[in-house]
Amino acid sequence: MQTTWIIAADSSRARIFEELDDEHHLLEVQDLANPAGRANQGDLLTDVPDRRNFPKGGLGGTHDGEAAKDVIEHENEKFSKAVGDYLERARNDHLYDRLCVIAPPKFLG
C-alpha cells in the first residue's frame, strides 16, 4: 500500500496525517503552528518605531494598517514556506508516496 499523507492547513496551523489502512484511519504525523496567523496586528508591530519619528504619512508613506497587513502577510508567507520545506524533506526521505492538500488558495500561493 502506498503511504498517503493528508495535510489540512491555513495561515495559523497545519496538521499532517497519515492514512493507516484501507478503512481510512488516520494518524497525526505533525502539528505545525503559526501563532502570528492569529495574532493581533499590534502584537506584530511592537518593534515599529513611534510614528512621530517619520514624515507625514507614517511608515514609508503607508498607513499603519497597511504596515500591519504587510507584517501579517510576511509571517504567513514564512509559515507557508516552512510547511512546504517540511513536506519537501519528508518527500525526499520517502516518508509518503501521495499527498492530499486541504488549504485555502491564499495559503497555497
N, C-alpha and C. Protein backbone atom coordinates (compact mmCIF):
# COMPACT_ATOMS: atom_id res chain seq x y z
N MET A 1 0.84 -1.18 0.00
CA MET A 1 0.00 0.00 0.00
C MET A 1 0.89 1.25 0.00
N GLN A 2 0.53 2.20 -0.83
CA GLN A 2 1.25 3.45 -0.85
C GLN A 2 0.93 4.27 0.40
N THR A 3 1.92 4.99 0.87
CA THR A 3 1.72 5.85 2.04
C THR A 3 1.14 7.18 1.57
N THR A 4 -0.01 7.52 2.15
CA THR A 4 -0.67 8.78 1.81
C THR A 4 -0.66 9.70 3.00
N TRP A 5 -0.22 10.92 2.76
CA TRP A 5 -0.30 11.97 3.77
C TRP A 5 -1.40 12.93 3.38
N ILE A 6 -2.10 13.41 4.38
CA ILE A 6 -3.15 14.41 4.20
C ILE A 6 -2.78 15.60 5.06
N ILE A 7 -2.73 16.78 4.43
CA ILE A 7 -2.42 17.99 5.18
C ILE A 7 -3.60 18.94 5.11
N ALA A 8 -4.01 19.40 6.27
CA ALA A 8 -5.05 20.42 6.39
C ALA A 8 -4.37 21.65 6.97
N ALA A 9 -4.36 22.75 6.21
CA ALA A 9 -3.58 23.91 6.63
C ALA A 9 -4.30 25.22 6.35
N ASP A 10 -3.97 26.20 7.17
CA ASP A 10 -4.36 27.59 6.92
C ASP A 10 -3.23 28.47 7.45
N SER A 11 -3.48 29.75 7.59
CA SER A 11 -2.40 30.66 7.97
C SER A 11 -1.92 30.48 9.42
N SER A 12 -2.69 29.78 10.25
CA SER A 12 -2.29 29.65 11.64
C SER A 12 -1.90 28.23 12.07
N ARG A 13 -2.24 27.24 11.26
CA ARG A 13 -1.96 25.87 11.68
C ARG A 13 -1.93 24.93 10.48
N ALA A 14 -1.07 23.93 10.56
CA ALA A 14 -1.00 22.88 9.55
C ALA A 14 -0.91 21.53 10.26
N ARG A 15 -1.89 20.69 10.00
CA ARG A 15 -1.89 19.35 10.61
C ARG A 15 -1.69 18.33 9.50
N ILE A 16 -0.76 17.42 9.73
CA ILE A 16 -0.42 16.40 8.75
C ILE A 16 -0.79 15.04 9.31
N PHE A 17 -1.54 14.29 8.52
CA PHE A 17 -2.00 12.96 8.91
C PHE A 17 -1.50 11.93 7.91
N GLU A 18 -1.35 10.71 8.40
CA GLU A 18 -1.01 9.58 7.53
C GLU A 18 -2.19 8.62 7.53
N GLU A 19 -2.57 8.20 6.33
CA GLU A 19 -3.64 7.21 6.20
C GLU A 19 -3.06 5.84 6.55
N LEU A 20 -3.66 5.17 7.54
CA LEU A 20 -3.08 3.93 8.05
C LEU A 20 -3.53 2.67 7.32
N ASP A 21 -4.74 2.68 6.79
CA ASP A 21 -5.25 1.46 6.18
C ASP A 21 -6.33 1.79 5.15
N ASP A 22 -6.90 0.75 4.56
CA ASP A 22 -7.93 0.93 3.54
C ASP A 22 -9.22 1.48 4.11
N GLU A 23 -9.38 1.44 5.42
CA GLU A 23 -10.57 1.98 6.06
C GLU A 23 -10.40 3.46 6.40
N HIS A 24 -9.30 4.06 5.95
CA HIS A 24 -9.03 5.49 6.08
C HIS A 24 -8.85 5.95 7.53
N HIS A 25 -8.32 5.09 8.40
CA HIS A 25 -7.96 5.55 9.73
C HIS A 25 -6.73 6.43 9.61
N LEU A 26 -6.70 7.50 10.40
CA LEU A 26 -5.62 8.47 10.29
C LEU A 26 -4.79 8.53 11.56
N LEU A 27 -3.50 8.80 11.37
CA LEU A 27 -2.57 9.03 12.46
C LEU A 27 -1.95 10.40 12.24
N GLU A 28 -1.99 11.25 13.27
CA GLU A 28 -1.38 12.56 13.13
C GLU A 28 0.14 12.42 13.13
N VAL A 29 0.75 12.93 12.08
CA VAL A 29 2.20 12.87 11.92
C VAL A 29 2.86 14.12 12.52
N GLN A 30 2.24 15.28 12.26
CA GLN A 30 2.84 16.54 12.70
C GLN A 30 1.75 17.59 12.86
N ASP A 31 1.95 18.47 13.81
CA ASP A 31 1.05 19.59 14.03
C ASP A 31 1.92 20.84 14.11
N LEU A 32 1.88 21.63 13.05
CA LEU A 32 2.70 22.84 12.96
C LEU A 32 1.83 24.05 13.25
N ALA A 33 2.34 24.96 14.06
CA ALA A 33 1.56 26.14 14.44
C ALA A 33 2.26 27.42 14.01
N ASN A 34 1.46 28.41 13.68
CA ASN A 34 1.94 29.75 13.35
C ASN A 34 1.18 30.73 14.22
N PRO A 35 1.69 31.05 15.41
CA PRO A 35 0.98 31.96 16.30
C PRO A 35 0.70 33.31 15.64
N ALA A 36 1.55 33.74 14.72
CA ALA A 36 1.34 35.02 14.05
C ALA A 36 0.10 35.00 13.17
N GLY A 37 -0.35 33.80 12.78
CA GLY A 37 -1.53 33.70 11.94
C GLY A 37 -2.80 34.15 12.62
N ARG A 38 -2.80 34.17 13.94
CA ARG A 38 -3.96 34.62 14.70
C ARG A 38 -3.64 35.81 15.60
N ALA A 39 -2.45 36.37 15.43
CA ALA A 39 -2.01 37.47 16.29
C ALA A 39 -2.74 38.76 15.96
N ASN A 40 -2.79 39.62 16.94
CA ASN A 40 -3.29 40.97 16.74
C ASN A 40 -2.28 41.76 15.93
N GLN A 41 -2.73 42.67 15.12
CA GLN A 41 -1.80 43.49 14.35
C GLN A 41 -0.84 44.22 15.28
N GLY A 42 -1.32 44.72 16.38
CA GLY A 42 -0.49 45.45 17.32
C GLY A 42 0.60 44.59 17.92
N ASP A 43 0.31 43.30 18.14
CA ASP A 43 1.30 42.40 18.70
C ASP A 43 2.49 42.23 17.76
N LEU A 44 2.23 42.26 16.46
CA LEU A 44 3.29 42.05 15.48
C LEU A 44 4.07 43.33 15.18
N LEU A 45 3.53 44.46 15.57
CA LEU A 45 4.18 45.74 15.27
C LEU A 45 4.83 46.38 16.48
N THR A 46 5.11 45.64 17.51
CA THR A 46 5.67 46.22 18.73
C THR A 46 7.06 46.78 18.50
N ASP A 47 7.80 46.31 17.50
CA ASP A 47 9.14 46.80 17.23
C ASP A 47 9.17 47.98 16.27
N VAL A 48 8.02 48.39 15.74
CA VAL A 48 7.97 49.52 14.81
C VAL A 48 8.15 50.80 15.61
N PRO A 49 9.07 51.67 15.20
CA PRO A 49 9.29 52.92 15.94
C PRO A 49 8.02 53.77 15.97
N ASP A 50 8.01 54.69 16.91
CA ASP A 50 6.88 55.60 17.06
C ASP A 50 6.64 56.35 15.76
N ARG A 51 5.40 56.46 15.37
CA ARG A 51 5.01 57.09 14.12
C ARG A 51 5.49 58.54 14.04
N ARG A 52 5.64 59.22 15.16
CA ARG A 52 6.04 60.63 15.17
C ARG A 52 7.44 60.83 14.60
N ASN A 53 8.25 59.77 14.52
CA ASN A 53 9.61 59.88 14.01
C ASN A 53 9.68 59.82 12.49
N PHE A 54 8.53 59.68 11.83
CA PHE A 54 8.51 59.55 10.39
C PHE A 54 7.84 60.77 9.77
N PRO A 55 8.14 61.04 8.49
CA PRO A 55 7.48 62.15 7.82
C PRO A 55 5.97 61.92 7.76
N LYS A 56 5.25 62.95 7.42
CA LYS A 56 3.79 62.87 7.32
C LYS A 56 3.41 61.69 6.45
N GLY A 57 2.46 60.91 6.90
CA GLY A 57 2.04 59.72 6.15
C GLY A 57 2.46 58.44 6.83
N GLY A 58 3.29 58.54 7.86
CA GLY A 58 3.63 57.34 8.61
C GLY A 58 4.83 56.60 8.07
N LEU A 59 4.81 55.29 8.16
CA LEU A 59 5.93 54.44 7.81
C LEU A 59 6.08 54.34 6.31
N GLY A 60 7.08 54.99 5.77
CA GLY A 60 7.34 54.88 4.35
C GLY A 60 6.18 55.33 3.49
N GLY A 61 5.37 56.25 3.99
CA GLY A 61 4.26 56.75 3.21
C GLY A 61 3.03 55.87 3.25
N THR A 62 3.05 54.81 4.06
CA THR A 62 1.89 53.92 4.14
C THR A 62 1.11 54.23 5.41
N HIS A 63 -0.09 53.76 5.45
CA HIS A 63 -0.90 53.89 6.66
C HIS A 63 -0.51 52.78 7.63
N ASP A 64 -0.71 52.98 8.90
CA ASP A 64 -0.34 51.96 9.89
C ASP A 64 -1.02 50.64 9.60
N GLY A 65 -2.26 50.66 9.16
CA GLY A 65 -2.98 49.42 8.85
C GLY A 65 -2.33 48.65 7.72
N GLU A 66 -1.79 49.38 6.73
CA GLU A 66 -1.10 48.71 5.63
C GLU A 66 0.19 48.07 6.12
N ALA A 67 0.90 48.73 7.01
CA ALA A 67 2.14 48.16 7.56
C ALA A 67 1.83 46.89 8.33
N ALA A 68 0.75 46.92 9.11
CA ALA A 68 0.35 45.73 9.87
C ALA A 68 -0.01 44.60 8.93
N LYS A 69 -0.73 44.92 7.87
CA LYS A 69 -1.12 43.90 6.89
C LYS A 69 0.11 43.27 6.26
N ASP A 70 1.11 44.11 5.93
CA ASP A 70 2.34 43.59 5.35
C ASP A 70 3.07 42.66 6.30
N VAL A 71 3.11 43.01 7.58
CA VAL A 71 3.78 42.17 8.57
C VAL A 71 3.06 40.84 8.70
N ILE A 72 1.74 40.86 8.76
CA ILE A 72 0.96 39.63 8.89
C ILE A 72 1.14 38.76 7.65
N GLU A 73 1.06 39.36 6.47
CA GLU A 73 1.25 38.60 5.24
C GLU A 73 2.64 37.99 5.18
N HIS A 74 3.64 38.74 5.62
CA HIS A 74 5.01 38.22 5.62
C HIS A 74 5.14 37.01 6.55
N GLU A 75 4.57 37.12 7.75
CA GLU A 75 4.62 35.99 8.69
C GLU A 75 3.89 34.77 8.12
N ASN A 76 2.76 34.99 7.48
CA ASN A 76 2.01 33.88 6.89
C ASN A 76 2.78 33.25 5.73
N GLU A 77 3.46 34.06 4.93
CA GLU A 77 4.28 33.53 3.84
C GLU A 77 5.43 32.70 4.39
N LYS A 78 6.06 33.17 5.47
CA LYS A 78 7.14 32.41 6.09
C LYS A 78 6.63 31.05 6.58
N PHE A 79 5.43 31.05 7.19
CA PHE A 79 4.86 29.80 7.68
C PHE A 79 4.55 28.86 6.52
N SER A 80 3.95 29.39 5.47
CA SER A 80 3.63 28.58 4.30
C SER A 80 4.90 27.95 3.71
N LYS A 81 5.97 28.73 3.64
CA LYS A 81 7.24 28.21 3.13
C LYS A 81 7.80 27.13 4.05
N ALA A 82 7.70 27.34 5.36
CA ALA A 82 8.20 26.33 6.31
C ALA A 82 7.43 25.02 6.16
N VAL A 83 6.13 25.10 5.96
CA VAL A 83 5.32 23.89 5.75
C VAL A 83 5.77 23.21 4.46
N GLY A 84 5.96 23.98 3.40
CA GLY A 84 6.42 23.42 2.13
C GLY A 84 7.78 22.76 2.26
N ASP A 85 8.68 23.39 3.00
CA ASP A 85 10.01 22.81 3.23
C ASP A 85 9.91 21.49 3.99
N TYR A 86 9.04 21.45 4.99
CA TYR A 86 8.85 20.23 5.77
C TYR A 86 8.35 19.10 4.85
N LEU A 87 7.37 19.41 4.02
CA LEU A 87 6.82 18.40 3.10
C LEU A 87 7.86 17.94 2.08
N GLU A 88 8.69 18.87 1.62
CA GLU A 88 9.73 18.52 0.66
C GLU A 88 10.77 17.59 1.29
N ARG A 89 11.19 17.88 2.52
CA ARG A 89 12.14 16.99 3.21
C ARG A 89 11.54 15.60 3.41
N ALA A 90 10.27 15.56 3.80
CA ALA A 90 9.61 14.27 4.02
C ALA A 90 9.50 13.49 2.71
N ARG A 91 9.23 14.19 1.62
CA ARG A 91 9.15 13.52 0.31
C ARG A 91 10.52 12.96 -0.08
N ASN A 92 11.57 13.76 0.12
CA ASN A 92 12.93 13.31 -0.20
C ASN A 92 13.35 12.13 0.66
N ASP A 93 12.82 12.05 1.88
CA ASP A 93 13.12 10.93 2.78
C ASP A 93 12.16 9.76 2.55
N HIS A 94 11.31 9.85 1.54
CA HIS A 94 10.36 8.79 1.17
C HIS A 94 9.40 8.43 2.30
N LEU A 95 8.97 9.45 3.05
CA LEU A 95 8.02 9.20 4.14
C LEU A 95 6.59 9.09 3.64
N TYR A 96 6.32 9.58 2.44
CA TYR A 96 5.00 9.43 1.84
C TYR A 96 5.14 9.30 0.33
N ASP A 97 4.12 8.66 -0.27
CA ASP A 97 4.09 8.49 -1.72
C ASP A 97 3.09 9.43 -2.38
N ARG A 98 1.99 9.67 -1.68
CA ARG A 98 0.93 10.55 -2.19
C ARG A 98 0.63 11.61 -1.15
N LEU A 99 0.20 12.78 -1.64
CA LEU A 99 -0.09 13.90 -0.75
C LEU A 99 -1.43 14.50 -1.15
N CYS A 100 -2.29 14.69 -0.16
CA CYS A 100 -3.57 15.35 -0.36
C CYS A 100 -3.54 16.64 0.46
N VAL A 101 -3.76 17.78 -0.21
CA VAL A 101 -3.67 19.08 0.45
C VAL A 101 -5.05 19.71 0.55
N ILE A 102 -5.39 20.11 1.76
CA ILE A 102 -6.64 20.83 2.03
C ILE A 102 -6.24 22.19 2.60
N ALA A 103 -6.37 23.23 1.79
CA ALA A 103 -5.94 24.56 2.22
C ALA A 103 -6.61 25.62 1.35
N PRO A 104 -6.80 26.80 1.91
CA PRO A 104 -7.37 27.89 1.10
C PRO A 104 -6.37 28.31 0.03
N PRO A 105 -6.86 28.82 -1.09
CA PRO A 105 -5.97 29.22 -2.20
C PRO A 105 -4.88 30.20 -1.77
N LYS A 106 -5.19 31.14 -0.89
CA LYS A 106 -4.20 32.13 -0.46
C LYS A 106 -3.01 31.46 0.21
N PHE A 107 -3.26 30.39 0.97
CA PHE A 107 -2.17 29.69 1.65
C PHE A 107 -1.28 28.97 0.64
N LEU A 108 -1.87 28.51 -0.44
CA LEU A 108 -1.11 27.77 -1.45
C LEU A 108 -0.24 28.67 -2.30
N GLY A 109 -0.53 29.97 -2.28
CA GLY A 109 0.29 30.91 -3.04
C GLY A 109 -0.32 31.17 -4.36
